Amino acid sequence: MSTIDNPLRRDTVTVIDRVLVGEDDRGQDVYEDVERDVPQCNMQPVSSTEATDDRVQVVTRWRLAGPPDMELKALSRVRYRGVLYEVDGEPGVYGSYGGLMDHTEAFLKVVTG
C-alpha cells in the first residue's frame, strides 16, 4: 500500500522494545533492549506539570502518532531528540475509511526530578 506524503509526519523516533532472549543459568528470563527507528511519526507536546512538595518533579507528556504497523507496546520506550519517554497506557491502532488516516497513537511521558 502506498502512502501520501504527510507534512505532519516528518519526525523519526527510536522505539526501544524489551525482548526475551533466553534464560540464565538459574532459569531466570533474560531480556535485551532492541532499538528500531520508525519514520513518518508526529510528536506533539501535551502538558507539563510540576510538583514541589519536598523536591521538584516535572512530568511532561507528549502525543505520538505513527504508522499503523509500528507495533508500539505499553512496555516500549521511545527516544525522540535525545529524550527517553515511557509509553503511558496502551497504544491504540486506528483505522479510517480508505486507509488515509490509519495510524498508531500513544501518549508518552517523561519524569524528571
C-alpha atoms as a PDB file:
ATOM      1  CA  MET A   1       0.000   0.000   0.000  1.00  0.00           C
ATOM      2  CA  SER A   2       1.391   3.414  -0.880  1.00  0.00           C
ATOM      3  CA  THR A   3       1.081   6.394   1.425  1.00  0.00           C
ATOM      4  CA  ILE A   4       0.635  10.046   0.692  1.00  0.00           C
ATOM      5  CA  ASP A   5       3.407  12.291   1.992  1.00  0.00           C
ATOM      6  CA  ASN A   6       2.064  13.946   5.113  1.00  0.00           C
ATOM      7  CA  PRO A   7       3.901  17.066   6.322  1.00  0.00           C
ATOM      8  CA  LEU A   8       2.679  16.343   9.854  1.00  0.00           C
ATOM      9  CA  ARG A   9       4.532  13.010   9.873  1.00  0.00           C
ATOM     10  CA  ARG A  10       8.048  14.270   9.480  1.00  0.00           C
ATOM     11  CA  ASP A  11       9.521  13.001  12.749  1.00  0.00           C
ATOM     12  CA  THR A  12      11.570   9.852  13.197  1.00  0.00           C
ATOM     13  CA  VAL A  13      11.510   8.234  16.638  1.00  0.00           C
ATOM     14  CA  THR A  14      13.509   5.345  18.047  1.00  0.00           C
ATOM     15  CA  VAL A  15      11.337   2.647  19.611  1.00  0.00           C
ATOM     16  CA  ILE A  16      13.041   0.517  22.254  1.00  0.00           C
ATOM     17  CA  ASP A  17      11.417  -2.851  22.881  1.00  0.00           C
ATOM     18  CA  ARG A  18      12.374  -5.228  25.693  1.00  0.00           C
ATOM     19  CA  VAL A  19      12.707  -8.660  24.066  1.00  0.00           C
ATOM     20  CA  LEU A  20      13.035 -12.023  25.803  1.00  0.00           C
ATOM     21  CA  VAL A  21      16.268 -13.598  24.529  1.00  0.00           C
ATOM     22  CA  GLY A  22      16.616 -16.647  26.778  1.00  0.00           C
ATOM     23  CA  GLU A  23      17.313 -17.785  30.312  1.00  0.00           C
ATOM     24  CA  ASP A  24      20.309 -17.503  32.595  1.00  0.00           C
ATOM     25  CA  ASP A  25      21.910 -20.491  34.365  1.00  0.00           C
ATOM     26  CA  ARG A  26      19.315 -20.253  37.177  1.00  0.00           C
ATOM     27  CA  GLY A  27      16.334 -20.331  34.802  1.00  0.00           C
ATOM     28  CA  GLN A  28      15.571 -16.614  35.072  1.00  0.00           C
ATOM     29  CA  ASP A  29      14.374 -14.809  31.958  1.00  0.00           C
ATOM     30  CA  VAL A  30      16.986 -12.674  30.205  1.00  0.00           C
ATOM     31  CA  TYR A  31      15.829  -9.620  28.276  1.00  0.00           C
ATOM     32  CA  GLU A  32      17.588  -7.375  25.805  1.00  0.00           C
ATOM     33  CA  ASP A  33      16.640  -3.904  24.586  1.00  0.00           C
ATOM     34  CA  VAL A  34      16.176  -3.813  20.814  1.00  0.00           C
ATOM     35  CA  GLU A  35      16.123  -0.405  19.122  1.00  0.00           C
ATOM     36  CA  ARG A  36      14.474   0.415  15.816  1.00  0.00           C
ATOM     37  CA  ASP A  37      13.931   3.720  14.036  1.00  0.00           C
ATOM     38  CA  VAL A  38      10.359   4.476  12.982  1.00  0.00           C
ATOM     39  CA  PRO A  39       9.951   7.251  10.396  1.00  0.00           C
ATOM     40  CA  GLN A  40       6.730   9.057   9.457  1.00  0.00           C
ATOM     41  CA  CYS A  41       5.765   9.949  13.020  1.00  0.00           C
ATOM     42  CA  ASN A  42       4.401  13.093  14.602  1.00  0.00           C
ATOM     43  CA  MET A  43       5.368  14.211  18.108  1.00  0.00           C
ATOM     44  CA  GLN A  44       3.334  16.929  19.832  1.00  0.00           C
ATOM     45  CA  PRO A  45       3.718  18.269  23.388  1.00  0.00           C
ATOM     46  CA  VAL A  46       0.576  17.825  25.501  1.00  0.00           C
ATOM     47  CA  SER A  47       1.246  19.018  29.045  1.00  0.00           C
ATOM     48  CA  SER A  48       3.808  19.552  31.748  1.00  0.00           C
ATOM     49  CA  THR A  49       3.184  19.573  35.487  1.00  0.00           C
ATOM     50  CA  GLU A  50       5.489  20.442  38.343  1.00  0.00           C
ATOM     51  CA  ALA A  51       5.241  19.140  41.907  1.00  0.00           C
ATOM     52  CA  THR A  52       7.251  20.959  44.540  1.00  0.00           C
ATOM     53  CA  ASP A  53       6.454  19.056  47.746  1.00  0.00           C
ATOM     54  CA  ASP A  54       9.840  18.106  49.176  1.00  0.00           C
ATOM     55  CA  ARG A  55      11.576  18.093  45.823  1.00  0.00           C
ATOM     56  CA  VAL A  56      10.946  19.410  42.353  1.00  0.00           C
ATOM     57  CA  GLN A  57       9.479  16.838  39.987  1.00  0.00           C
ATOM     58  CA  VAL A  58       8.321  17.584  36.455  1.00  0.00           C
ATOM     59  CA  VAL A  59       6.096  15.242  34.442  1.00  0.00           C
ATOM     60  CA  THR A  60       5.952  16.048  30.743  1.00  0.00           C
ATOM     61  CA  ARG A  61       3.518  14.331  28.370  1.00  0.00           C
ATOM     62  CA  TRP A  62       3.647  14.063  24.587  1.00  0.00           C
ATOM     63  CA  ARG A  63       1.305  12.602  21.958  1.00  0.00           C
ATOM     64  CA  LEU A  64       2.851  10.275  19.379  1.00  0.00           C
ATOM     65  CA  ALA A  65       1.108   9.461  16.109  1.00  0.00           C
ATOM     66  CA  GLY A  66       2.884   6.977  13.855  1.00  0.00           C
ATOM     67  CA  PRO A  67       2.346   4.380  11.155  1.00  0.00           C
ATOM     68  CA  PRO A  68      -0.343   1.782  11.879  1.00  0.00           C
ATOM     69  CA  ASP A  69       2.206  -1.041  11.635  1.00  0.00           C
ATOM     70  CA  MET A  70       4.777   0.376  14.073  1.00  0.00           C
ATOM     71  CA  GLU A  71       3.907  -2.302  16.686  1.00  0.00           C
ATOM     72  CA  LEU A  72       4.265   0.012  19.677  1.00  0.00           C
ATOM     73  CA  LYS A  73       3.521  -1.670  23.010  1.00  0.00           C
ATOM     74  CA  ALA A  74       2.735  -0.395  26.506  1.00  0.00           C
ATOM     75  CA  LEU A  75       6.180  -1.536  27.722  1.00  0.00           C
ATOM     76  CA  SER A  76       8.042   0.064  24.805  1.00  0.00           C
ATOM     77  CA  ARG A  77      10.068   3.203  25.312  1.00  0.00           C
ATOM     78  CA  VAL A  78      10.523   5.958  22.760  1.00  0.00           C
ATOM     79  CA  ARG A  79      13.559   8.183  22.196  1.00  0.00           C
ATOM     80  CA  TYR A  80      12.961  11.496  20.450  1.00  0.00           C
ATOM     81  CA  ARG A  81      15.516  14.297  20.129  1.00  0.00           C
ATOM     82  CA  GLY A  82      17.663  12.667  22.791  1.00  0.00           C
ATOM     83  CA  VAL A  83      14.891  12.335  25.413  1.00  0.00           C
ATOM     84  CA  LEU A  84      13.722   8.893  26.542  1.00  0.00           C
ATOM     85  CA  TYR A  85       9.940   8.590  27.070  1.00  0.00           C
ATOM     86  CA  GLU A  86       7.794   5.851  28.591  1.00  0.00           C
ATOM     87  CA  VAL A  87       4.579   4.833  26.846  1.00  0.00           C
ATOM     88  CA  ASP A  88       1.762   5.958  29.164  1.00  0.00           C
ATOM     89  CA  GLY A  89      -1.001   3.338  28.850  1.00  0.00           C
ATOM     90  CA  GLU A  90      -1.858   1.053  25.966  1.00  0.00           C
ATOM     91  CA  PRO A  91      -1.219   2.423  22.440  1.00  0.00           C
ATOM     92  CA  GLY A  92      -4.132   2.338  20.023  1.00  0.00           C
ATOM     93  CA  VAL A  93      -4.203   1.474  16.332  1.00  0.00           C
ATOM     94  CA  TYR A  94      -6.835   3.430  14.432  1.00  0.00           C
ATOM     95  CA  GLY A  95      -8.261   2.697  11.016  1.00  0.00           C
ATOM     96  CA  SER A  96     -10.037   5.033   8.654  1.00  0.00           C
ATOM     97  CA  TYR A  97     -12.169   4.809   5.563  1.00  0.00           C
ATOM     98  CA  GLY A  98      -9.842   4.116   2.657  1.00  0.00           C
ATOM     99  CA  GLY A  99      -6.790   3.898   4.923  1.00  0.00           C
ATOM    100  CA  LEU A 100      -5.646   7.502   4.502  1.00  0.00           C
ATOM    101  CA  MET A 101      -5.730   8.306   8.229  1.00  0.00           C
ATOM    102  CA  ASP A 102      -4.696   4.875   9.595  1.00  0.00           C
ATOM    103  CA  HIS A 103      -2.253   5.366  12.467  1.00  0.00           C
ATOM    104  CA  THR A 104      -0.924   4.274  15.839  1.00  0.00           C
ATOM    105  CA  GLU A 105      -1.484   6.729  18.671  1.00  0.00           C
ATOM    106  CA  ALA A 106       0.011   6.797  22.145  1.00  0.00           C
ATOM    107  CA  PHE A 107       0.690   9.158  24.976  1.00  0.00           C
ATOM    108  CA  LEU A 108       4.260   9.334  26.241  1.00  0.00           C
ATOM    109  CA  LYS A 109       5.680  10.711  29.463  1.00  0.00           C
ATOM    110  CA  VAL A 110       8.996  11.591  30.978  1.00  0.00           C
ATOM    111  CA  VAL A 111       9.514  12.248  34.700  1.00  0.00           C
ATOM    112  CA  THR A 112      12.449  14.332  35.879  1.00  0.00           C
ATOM    113  CA  GLY A 113      13.494  15.237  39.393  1.00  0.00           C
END
